[in-house]
């Protein structure tokens, strides 16, 4: 499970795939695009948190 965080605080819900979390970051304009490499980069201090346990810590 993955989600976008800024300064360590969650900004989006948990997603099943990393790509979906990156789409959240793009939609929130927390990325930069390098046209020469055709890649998005997360803006500092944005991160994509990963959780590999049985359920996310804040799941109902």
C-alpha atoms as a PDB file:
ATOM      1  CA  UNK A   1       0.000   0.000   0.000  1.00  0.00           C
ATOM      2  CA  UNK A   2       1.275   3.473  -0.836  1.00  0.00           C
ATOM      3  CA  UNK A   3       0.313   7.058  -0.130  1.00  0.00           C
ATOM      4  CA  UNK A   4       1.623  10.574  -0.655  1.00  0.00           C
ATOM      5  CA  UNK A   5       3.082  12.402   2.341  1.00  0.00           C
ATOM      6  CA  UNK A   6       4.420  15.950   2.690  1.00  0.00           C
ATOM      7  CA  UNK A   7       6.692  16.749   5.636  1.00  0.00           C
ATOM      8  CA  UNK A   8       5.779  13.252   6.883  1.00  0.00           C
ATOM      9  CA  UNK A   9       2.043  13.997   6.996  1.00  0.00           C
ATOM     10  CA  UNK A  10      -0.387  12.018   4.807  1.00  0.00           C
ATOM     11  CA  UNK A  11      -1.920  13.977   1.928  1.00  0.00           C
ATOM     12  CA  UNK A  12      -3.801  11.188   0.139  1.00  0.00           C
ATOM     13  CA  UNK A  13      -5.456   7.852   0.961  1.00  0.00           C
ATOM     14  CA  UNK A  14      -3.629   4.538   0.799  1.00  0.00           C
ATOM     15  CA  UNK A  15      -3.438   3.079  -2.714  1.00  0.00           C
ATOM     16  CA  UNK A  16      -2.842  -0.510  -3.813  1.00  0.00           C
ATOM     17  CA  UNK A  17      -0.157   0.448  -6.353  1.00  0.00           C
ATOM     18  CA  UNK A  18       2.778   2.858  -6.295  1.00  0.00           C
ATOM     19  CA  UNK A  19       1.700   4.220  -9.678  1.00  0.00           C
ATOM     20  CA  UNK A  20      -1.666   5.273  -8.230  1.00  0.00           C
ATOM     21  CA  UNK A  21       0.038   7.123  -5.380  1.00  0.00           C
ATOM     22  CA  UNK A  22       2.237   8.888  -7.940  1.00  0.00           C
ATOM     23  CA  UNK A  23      -0.918   9.883  -9.860  1.00  0.00           C
ATOM     24  CA  UNK A  24      -2.199  11.458  -6.623  1.00  0.00           C
ATOM     25  CA  UNK A  25       1.050  13.437  -6.294  1.00  0.00           C
ATOM     26  CA  UNK A  26       0.782  14.612  -9.910  1.00  0.00           C
ATOM     27  CA  UNK A  27      -2.850  15.667  -9.395  1.00  0.00           C
ATOM     28  CA  UNK A  28      -1.846  17.667  -6.297  1.00  0.00           C
ATOM     29  CA  UNK A  29       0.971  19.315  -8.276  1.00  0.00           C
ATOM     30  CA  UNK A  30       3.661  17.924  -5.970  1.00  0.00           C
ATOM     31  CA  UNK A  31       5.870  16.772  -8.848  1.00  0.00           C
ATOM     32  CA  UNK A  32       8.131  18.168 -11.533  1.00  0.00           C
ATOM     33  CA  UNK A  33       8.319  16.768 -15.061  1.00  0.00           C
ATOM     34  CA  UNK A  34      11.579  16.246 -16.933  1.00  0.00           C
ATOM     35  CA  UNK A  35      10.589  16.253 -20.611  1.00  0.00           C
ATOM     36  CA  UNK A  36      14.011  15.037 -21.778  1.00  0.00           C
ATOM     37  CA  UNK A  37      13.713  11.876 -19.645  1.00  0.00           C
ATOM     38  CA  UNK A  38       9.901  11.711 -19.728  1.00  0.00           C
ATOM     39  CA  UNK A  39       9.801  11.241 -15.962  1.00  0.00           C
ATOM     40  CA  UNK A  40       8.044  12.825 -13.017  1.00  0.00           C
ATOM     41  CA  UNK A  41      10.026  13.677  -9.906  1.00  0.00           C
ATOM     42  CA  UNK A  42       8.626  14.262  -6.444  1.00  0.00           C
ATOM     43  CA  UNK A  43       9.163  17.769  -5.142  1.00  0.00           C
ATOM     44  CA  UNK A  44      11.050  18.072  -1.872  1.00  0.00           C
ATOM     45  CA  UNK A  45       9.692  17.384   0.840  1.00  0.00           C
ATOM     46  CA  UNK A  46       7.181  15.056  -0.791  1.00  0.00           C
ATOM     47  CA  UNK A  47       7.475  11.296  -0.426  1.00  0.00           C
ATOM     48  CA  UNK A  48       5.496   8.187  -1.191  1.00  0.00           C
ATOM     49  CA  UNK A  49       5.153   6.104   1.951  1.00  0.00           C
ATOM     50  CA  UNK A  50       4.955   2.337   1.677  1.00  0.00           C
ATOM     51  CA  UNK A  51       3.222  -0.002   4.095  1.00  0.00           C
ATOM     52  CA  UNK A  52       3.773  -3.723   3.740  1.00  0.00           C
ATOM     53  CA  UNK A  53       1.891  -5.031   6.802  1.00  0.00           C
ATOM     54  CA  UNK A  54      -1.512  -6.597   6.977  1.00  0.00           C
ATOM     55  CA  UNK A  55      -3.434  -3.315   7.054  1.00  0.00           C
ATOM     56  CA  UNK A  56      -2.479   0.367   6.931  1.00  0.00           C
ATOM     57  CA  UNK A  57      -2.074   1.900  10.410  1.00  0.00           C
ATOM     58  CA  UNK A  58      -5.093   4.185   9.933  1.00  0.00           C
ATOM     59  CA  UNK A  59      -7.385   1.683   8.189  1.00  0.00           C
ATOM     60  CA  UNK A  60     -10.861   1.310   9.702  1.00  0.00           C
END
